[in-house]
């Protein structure tokens, strides 16, 4: 496989020196930045994540900072989720939609200080969209990408490791709870969140110069916990139904089709981008929906869309798939038509090496 050629367009991170010293074997590019994807192997990293603790360089989750008197009003204009419940100690997952109700991003929003919010984005040039809306809409805000790089600590021993570095109080955070905790004289905004189902935290590291001292401290404190470098794991995220923007969902899909209907608030649909389209879809019912799928046989890498067929007709597509060692099957995420999305429905998946029998599942595997 060809390697990624480095340049200033594909940015290193504050933790890249540590990632390289840990023996990274694979990268992808995410928000114009390196994202480590593999250290030992996908399967070995998967087992380690489920049993121990890993430190992930997820600097690629860039922050769009919106600051000013109209900051919250601007962000509410962008999302169908009601933000009235946002507090300093709670982050919020917010789908962001275009004029037609299509997904533009699915970030996490954090209160970062007085009239200041960080939108921790998935892979898209979302900063440019927010700049355009702010400028043309006359909002009294400043929109920038701050020098903030998330570092994730994930796995069953994440609480123990974080308590050793930041103090026992950090272990009291609830899911999506957040607060500021001190390390070496600086307070870091930390949330109980992360792109795995194994539990853990995300540390928002302000200032690139603080990256490696924190990285090294986590590894030193976790030596007896078998701490390792890691990253979002393909197998584990599919098992848990964690969607990848730009892969499992795009602008062609609404939040309702992506199973995110609980984040679409009726009281926002008259004022947010794409609200009318989402209201119409909610009233009429969605024509397709994200579903878990188990696929038979030996699969090639899912590096392209796989058509889903039934009775000779196309009824959807598979966007992510991998072999699950723990569940003994090929786990997959697909977008299926409402005629074929019920659990137990038999379908066929057309891969680059042929057709494979498959079945729609009632739920994801975790």
Protein backbone atom coordinates (compact mmCIF):
# COMPACT_ATOMS: atom_id res chain seq x y z
CA UNK A 1 0.00 0.00 0.00
CA UNK A 2 1.26 3.50 -0.82
CA UNK A 3 2.36 5.70 2.07
CA UNK A 4 1.10 9.19 2.90
CA UNK A 5 3.50 11.86 1.71
CA UNK A 6 4.04 14.49 4.36
CA UNK A 7 3.55 18.20 3.75
CA UNK A 8 2.26 21.27 5.55
CA UNK A 9 -1.18 20.49 4.07
CA UNK A 10 -1.23 17.26 6.10
CA UNK A 11 -0.31 18.53 9.53
CA UNK A 12 1.59 16.80 12.29
CA UNK A 13 0.20 17.10 15.81
CA UNK A 14 1.57 18.09 19.22
CA UNK A 15 1.79 14.33 19.97
CA UNK A 16 3.35 13.10 16.71
CA UNK A 17 6.77 12.55 18.29
CA UNK A 18 5.19 10.26 20.88
CA UNK A 19 3.07 8.46 18.30
CA UNK A 20 6.13 7.73 16.18
CA UNK A 21 8.15 6.55 19.19
CA UNK A 22 5.28 4.18 20.03
CA UNK A 23 5.67 2.48 16.64
CA UNK A 24 2.66 3.69 14.67
CA UNK A 25 2.03 1.49 11.61
CA UNK A 26 -0.88 3.26 9.95
CA UNK A 27 -2.34 6.72 9.50
CA UNK A 28 -5.32 8.28 7.83
CA UNK A 29 -5.86 11.97 7.09
CA UNK A 30 -8.65 13.67 9.03
CA UNK A 31 -9.29 17.42 8.96
CA UNK A 32 -5.99 17.86 7.08
CA UNK A 33 -4.13 16.25 10.01
CA UNK A 34 -2.55 12.87 10.73
CA UNK A 35 -4.74 10.41 12.65
CA UNK A 36 -3.02 7.19 13.83
CA UNK A 37 -5.07 4.10 12.98
CA UNK A 38 -2.88 1.13 13.91
CA UNK A 39 0.05 0.21 16.13
CA UNK A 40 0.41 -3.58 16.49
CA UNK A 41 -2.49 -4.69 14.25
CA UNK A 42 -6.18 -3.83 14.05
CA UNK A 43 -7.02 -7.06 15.93
CA UNK A 44 -4.31 -6.75 18.58
CA UNK A 45 -5.13 -3.08 19.18
CA UNK A 46 -8.80 -4.09 19.48
CA UNK A 47 -8.15 -6.66 22.21
CA UNK A 48 -5.84 -4.31 24.10
CA UNK A 49 -8.41 -1.50 24.03
CA UNK A 50 -11.07 -3.78 25.51
CA UNK A 51 -8.84 -5.02 28.33
CA UNK A 52 -6.41 -2.26 29.30
CA UNK A 53 -6.00 1.47 28.57
CA UNK A 54 -4.83 3.42 25.55
CA UNK A 55 -3.78 7.01 24.87
CA UNK A 56 -5.04 8.33 21.54
CA UNK A 57 -3.75 11.28 19.54
CA UNK A 58 -7.06 12.70 18.27
CA UNK A 59 -5.77 16.20 17.59
CA UNK A 60 -7.58 15.88 14.27
CA UNK A 61 -10.82 16.60 16.16
CA UNK A 62 -10.22 20.27 15.48
CA UNK A 63 -12.07 22.94 17.43
CA UNK A 64 -14.13 25.67 15.86
CA UNK A 65 -14.18 28.38 18.51
CA UNK A 66 -17.17 30.73 18.45
CA UNK A 67 -16.79 33.67 20.83
CA UNK A 68 -18.86 36.76 21.45
CA UNK A 69 -22.29 38.01 22.54
CA UNK A 70 -24.08 36.10 19.74
CA UNK A 71 -22.05 32.89 19.99
CA UNK A 72 -24.75 30.68 21.44
CA UNK A 73 -27.43 32.15 19.18
CA UNK A 74 -25.30 31.41 16.11
CA UNK A 75 -24.67 27.80 17.08
CA UNK A 76 -28.36 27.27 17.85
CA UNK A 77 -29.12 28.48 14.32
CA UNK A 78 -26.87 25.70 12.95
CA UNK A 79 -28.30 22.70 14.81
CA UNK A 80 -31.76 21.19 15.28
CA UNK A 81 -30.88 20.21 18.87
CA UNK A 82 -32.19 22.51 21.60
CA UNK A 83 -29.12 23.92 23.36
CA UNK A 84 -30.96 25.28 26.40
CA UNK A 85 -29.63 22.37 28.47
CA UNK A 86 -25.97 23.16 27.81
CA UNK A 87 -24.03 23.99 30.98
CA UNK A 88 -20.41 24.58 31.91
CA UNK A 89 -20.19 21.04 33.27
CA UNK A 90 -21.92 19.26 30.38
CA UNK A 91 -20.94 18.81 26.72
CA UNK A 92 -23.54 18.17 24.03
CA UNK A 93 -23.51 16.11 20.84
CA UNK A 94 -25.07 18.28 18.12
CA UNK A 95 -25.91 17.28 14.55
CA UNK A 96 -25.42 20.21 12.18
CA UNK A 97 -27.46 20.36 8.99
CA UNK A 98 -27.61 22.25 5.70
CA UNK A 99 -30.62 23.98 4.14
CA UNK A 100 -32.08 20.67 2.99
CA UNK A 101 -31.64 18.94 6.34
CA UNK A 102 -28.54 16.99 5.25
CA UNK A 103 -25.78 16.28 7.74
CA UNK A 104 -22.87 18.72 7.57
CA UNK A 105 -21.10 17.50 10.69
CA UNK A 106 -21.80 15.76 14.00
CA UNK A 107 -19.62 17.55 16.54
CA UNK A 108 -19.52 17.83 20.30
CA UNK A 109 -20.10 21.31 21.74
CA UNK A 110 -18.41 22.49 24.94
CA UNK A 111 -18.72 25.64 27.02
CA UNK A 112 -15.10 26.86 27.12
CA UNK A 113 -15.58 30.10 29.07
CA UNK A 114 -17.60 33.32 29.08
CA UNK A 115 -19.38 33.62 25.71
CA UNK A 116 -16.90 31.07 24.29
CA UNK A 117 -17.77 27.68 22.82
CA UNK A 118 -15.70 24.94 21.24
CA UNK A 119 -17.26 22.82 18.52
CA UNK A 120 -15.18 19.64 18.31
CA UNK A 121 -15.70 18.62 14.70
CA UNK A 122 -15.74 15.50 12.57
CA UNK A 123 -13.91 15.38 9.25
CA UNK A 124 -15.09 18.35 7.15
CA UNK A 125 -14.15 21.98 6.51
CA UNK A 126 -16.74 23.12 9.01
CA UNK A 127 -14.80 26.23 10.04
CA UNK A 128 -15.45 27.76 6.63
CA UNK A 129 -19.20 27.13 6.90
CA UNK A 130 -19.41 28.78 10.33
CA UNK A 131 -17.36 31.76 9.12
CA UNK A 132 -19.74 32.22 6.18
CA UNK A 133 -22.89 32.02 8.31
CA UNK A 134 -21.45 34.37 10.92
CA UNK A 135 -20.39 36.92 8.32
CA UNK A 136 -23.52 36.94 6.20
CA UNK A 137 -25.89 36.71 9.16
CA UNK A 138 -24.53 39.70 11.02
CA UNK A 139 -23.70 37.75 14.19
CA UNK A 140 -21.49 39.55 16.72
CA UNK A 141 -18.92 36.76 17.06
CA UNK A 142 -15.32 35.84 16.37
CA UNK A 143 -14.77 32.46 14.71
CA UNK A 144 -11.29 30.87 14.78
CA UNK A 145 -9.52 27.52 15.03
CA UNK A 146 -7.72 27.74 18.40
CA UNK A 147 -4.54 25.90 19.33
CA UNK A 148 -6.46 23.10 21.06
CA UNK A 149 -5.63 19.44 20.45
CA UNK A 150 -7.67 16.65 22.07
CA UNK A 151 -5.93 13.66 23.63
CA UNK A 152 -8.14 10.68 24.47
CA UNK A 153 -7.65 8.10 27.23
CA UNK A 154 -9.84 5.07 26.52
CA UNK A 155 -10.34 1.59 27.96
CA UNK A 156 -11.35 -0.17 31.20
CA UNK A 157 -8.38 1.28 33.11
CA UNK A 158 -8.96 4.86 31.90
CA UNK A 159 -10.38 6.01 35.25
CA UNK A 160 -7.40 4.69 37.17
CA UNK A 161 -4.87 6.31 34.84
CA UNK A 162 -6.64 9.68 34.72
CA UNK A 163 -6.97 9.72 38.51
CA UNK A 164 -3.22 9.24 38.90
CA UNK A 165 -2.42 12.21 36.62
CA UNK A 166 -5.28 14.65 37.32
CA UNK A 167 -6.49 13.60 40.78
CA UNK A 168 -9.37 11.45 41.94
CA UNK A 169 -12.05 14.09 41.28
CA UNK A 170 -11.81 13.55 37.53
CA UNK A 171 -13.25 10.07 38.00
CA UNK A 172 -16.50 11.62 39.22
CA UNK A 173 -17.39 13.03 35.81
CA UNK A 174 -20.60 11.61 34.37
CA UNK A 175 -20.93 10.66 30.69
CA UNK A 176 -20.48 13.87 28.68
CA UNK A 177 -19.74 15.69 31.91
CA UNK A 178 -16.76 18.03 31.82
CA UNK A 179 -14.65 20.19 34.07
CA UNK A 180 -11.20 21.72 34.47
CA UNK A 181 -8.47 19.73 36.19
CA UNK A 182 -4.88 20.71 36.95
CA UNK A 183 -1.67 19.16 35.71
CA UNK A 184 1.71 20.86 36.22
CA UNK A 185 0.16 24.24 37.02
CA UNK A 186 -2.30 24.42 34.11
CA UNK A 187 -6.00 23.63 34.06
CA UNK A 188 -7.19 21.35 31.25
CA UNK A 189 -10.79 21.06 30.12
CA UNK A 190 -11.62 17.34 30.32
CA UNK A 191 -14.80 15.50 29.34
CA UNK A 192 -15.93 11.94 29.94
CA UNK A 193 -16.34 11.01 26.30
CA UNK A 194 -14.52 9.42 23.40
CA UNK A 195 -14.89 7.48 20.17
CA UNK A 196 -15.13 4.06 21.78
CA UNK A 197 -17.62 2.10 23.87
CA UNK A 198 -14.97 1.10 26.42
CA UNK A 199 -15.26 4.28 28.48
CA UNK A 200 -12.77 7.07 28.91
CA UNK A 201 -11.95 10.74 28.68
CA UNK A 202 -10.95 13.44 26.21
CA UNK A 203 -8.43 16.06 27.34
CA UNK A 204 -8.52 19.35 25.44
CA UNK A 205 -4.88 20.38 25.39
CA UNK A 206 -4.54 24.15 24.99
CA UNK A 207 -1.15 25.07 23.60
CA UNK A 208 0.89 22.70 21.44
CA UNK A 209 3.87 23.00 23.79
CA UNK A 210 1.91 21.16 26.50
CA UNK A 211 1.31 18.12 24.31
CA UNK A 212 4.34 15.91 24.88
CA UNK A 213 4.76 16.63 28.63
CA UNK A 214 1.19 15.37 29.18
CA UNK A 215 1.68 12.41 26.81
CA UNK A 216 4.82 11.36 28.66
CA UNK A 217 3.18 11.76 32.07
CA UNK A 218 0.27 9.50 31.10
CA UNK A 219 2.62 6.78 29.89
CA UNK A 220 4.80 6.99 32.99
CA UNK A 221 1.78 6.83 35.31
CA UNK A 222 0.30 3.90 33.43
CA UNK A 223 3.29 1.57 33.14
CA UNK A 224 1.76 -1.03 35.47
CA UNK A 225 -1.62 -0.68 33.70
CA UNK A 226 -0.15 -1.86 30.39
CA UNK A 227 -0.86 1.53 28.81
CA UNK A 228 -0.26 1.74 25.06
CA UNK A 229 -0.73 4.22 22.26
CA UNK A 230 -3.83 3.55 20.19
CA UNK A 231 -6.52 5.15 18.12
CA UNK A 232 -10.13 4.75 17.06
CA UNK A 233 -10.46 1.06 16.24
CA UNK A 234 -12.46 0.02 13.18
CA UNK A 235 -13.76 -3.23 14.66
CA UNK A 236 -14.72 -1.80 18.05
CA UNK A 237 -16.51 1.24 16.64
CA UNK A 238 -18.61 -0.86 14.24
CA UNK A 239 -19.56 -3.24 17.06
CA UNK A 240 -20.70 -0.25 19.08
CA UNK A 241 -22.52 1.51 16.24
CA UNK A 242 -20.30 4.59 16.32
CA UNK A 243 -20.87 6.37 13.02
CA UNK A 244 -18.11 7.98 10.97
CA UNK A 245 -19.08 11.25 9.26
CA UNK A 246 -18.09 11.25 5.60
CA UNK A 247 -18.23 7.48 5.61
CA UNK A 248 -21.42 6.14 7.20
CA UNK A 249 -23.27 9.43 6.78
CA UNK A 250 -22.89 12.43 4.47
CA UNK A 251 -24.86 15.47 3.30
CA UNK A 252 -27.12 13.01 1.47
CA UNK A 253 -28.45 11.80 4.83
CA UNK A 254 -30.59 13.53 7.44
CA UNK A 255 -30.11 13.12 11.20
CA UNK A 256 -33.31 11.04 11.26
CA UNK A 257 -31.90 8.59 8.71
CA UNK A 258 -28.74 8.32 10.82
CA UNK A 259 -30.64 7.27 13.93
CA UNK A 260 -30.09 10.67 15.55
CA UNK A 261 -33.74 11.63 15.88
CA UNK A 262 -33.40 12.15 19.65
CA UNK A 263 -31.13 15.11 18.88
CA UNK A 264 -33.71 16.79 16.63
CA UNK A 265 -35.88 19.06 18.79
CA UNK A 266 -39.33 19.99 17.48
CA UNK A 267 -39.06 23.48 18.96
CA UNK A 268 -36.03 24.25 16.75
CA UNK A 269 -37.38 23.13 13.39
CA UNK A 270 -38.92 26.51 12.53
CA UNK A 271 -35.65 28.38 12.91
CA UNK A 272 -32.65 26.09 12.24
CA UNK A 273 -31.05 25.21 8.92
CA UNK A 274 -33.03 22.47 7.20
CA UNK A 275 -35.78 22.50 9.82
CA UNK A 276 -38.65 22.34 7.34
CA UNK A 277 -37.18 19.32 5.57
CA UNK A 278 -36.63 17.48 8.86
CA UNK A 279 -40.18 18.24 10.01
CA UNK A 280 -41.58 16.89 6.74
CA UNK A 281 -39.47 13.75 7.04
CA UNK A 282 -40.53 13.22 10.64
CA UNK A 283 -44.21 13.50 9.68
CA UNK A 284 -43.96 11.29 6.59
CA UNK A 285 -41.45 8.80 7.95
CA UNK A 286 -37.88 8.19 6.77
CA UNK A 287 -37.29 6.29 3.55
CA UNK A 288 -34.03 4.77 4.77
CA UNK A 289 -32.16 4.28 8.04
CA UNK A 290 -28.79 3.23 9.47
CA UNK A 291 -28.89 -0.44 10.52
CA UNK A 292 -26.45 -3.05 11.93
CA UNK A 293 -25.81 -5.91 9.53
CA UNK A 294 -24.08 -9.27 9.98
CA UNK A 295 -22.40 -10.54 6.80
CA UNK A 296 -21.32 -14.11 6.05
CA UNK A 297 -18.04 -15.31 4.58
CA UNK A 298 -14.51 -13.98 4.20
CA UNK A 299 -14.72 -10.29 3.37
CA UNK A 300 -12.25 -8.05 1.54
CA UNK A 301 -11.46 -4.63 3.05
CA UNK A 302 -14.50 -2.33 3.00
CA UNK A 303 -12.75 0.59 1.33
CA UNK A 304 -15.68 1.48 -0.96
CA UNK A 305 -19.47 1.40 -0.91
CA UNK A 306 -20.97 -2.07 -1.10
CA UNK A 307 -24.42 -2.34 -2.65
CA UNK A 308 -27.09 -4.16 -0.67
CA UNK A 309 -29.52 -6.21 -2.78
CA UNK A 310 -32.72 -8.20 -2.30
CA UNK A 311 -34.63 -9.95 -5.03
CA UNK A 312 -32.29 -8.52 -7.63
CA UNK A 313 -32.98 -4.91 -6.63
CA UNK A 314 -30.76 -2.46 -4.73
CA UNK A 315 -32.12 -1.70 -1.27
CA UNK A 316 -29.21 0.08 0.38
CA UNK A 317 -25.48 0.16 0.94
CA UNK A 318 -22.85 -0.97 3.44
CA UNK A 319 -20.35 1.70 4.43
CA UNK A 320 -18.23 0.03 7.14
CA UNK A 321 -17.48 -3.65 7.81
CA UNK A 322 -14.93 -5.76 9.67
CA UNK A 323 -14.49 -9.21 11.19
CA UNK A 324 -15.28 -9.22 14.92
CA UNK A 325 -13.11 -11.64 16.92
CA UNK A 326 -15.34 -11.41 19.99
CA UNK A 327 -18.65 -11.96 18.21
CA UNK A 328 -17.44 -14.38 15.53
CA UNK A 329 -19.10 -12.64 12.61
CA UNK A 330 -18.55 -9.85 10.13
CA UNK A 331 -20.08 -6.73 11.70
CA UNK A 332 -21.23 -3.92 9.45
CA UNK A 333 -23.00 -0.56 9.30
CA UNK A 334 -25.39 0.03 6.42
CA UNK A 335 -28.07 2.41 5.18
CA UNK A 336 -31.16 0.38 4.27
CA UNK A 337 -34.50 1.20 2.66
CA UNK A 338 -37.54 1.08 4.94
CA UNK A 339 -38.75 -2.00 3.04
CA UNK A 340 -35.73 -4.00 4.23
CA UNK A 341 -34.57 -2.54 7.54
CA UNK A 342 -36.46 -4.83 9.94
CA UNK A 343 -34.36 -7.14 12.13
CA UNK A 344 -34.09 -10.61 10.65
CA UNK A 345 -34.43 -9.47 7.04
CA UNK A 346 -32.24 -11.52 4.70
CA UNK A 347 -30.22 -9.49 2.19
CA UNK A 348 -27.13 -9.81 0.01
CA UNK A 349 -24.08 -7.56 0.05
CA UNK A 350 -22.14 -7.03 -3.18
CA UNK A 351 -18.43 -6.64 -2.40
CA UNK A 352 -15.51 -6.32 -4.81
CA UNK A 353 -14.99 -10.10 -4.60
CA UNK A 354 -18.63 -11.13 -5.01
CA UNK A 355 -21.97 -11.47 -3.23
CA UNK A 356 -22.28 -12.37 0.45
CA UNK A 357 -25.38 -13.41 2.35
CA UNK A 358 -26.28 -11.07 5.21
CA UNK A 359 -28.96 -10.37 7.81
CA UNK A 360 -30.23 -7.18 9.43
CA UNK A 361 -29.66 -7.18 13.20
CA UNK A 362 -31.92 -5.89 15.98
CA UNK A 363 -29.12 -3.89 17.58
CA UNK A 364 -25.41 -3.24 17.46
CA UNK A 365 -23.13 -5.66 19.23
CA UNK A 366 -22.23 -3.55 22.30
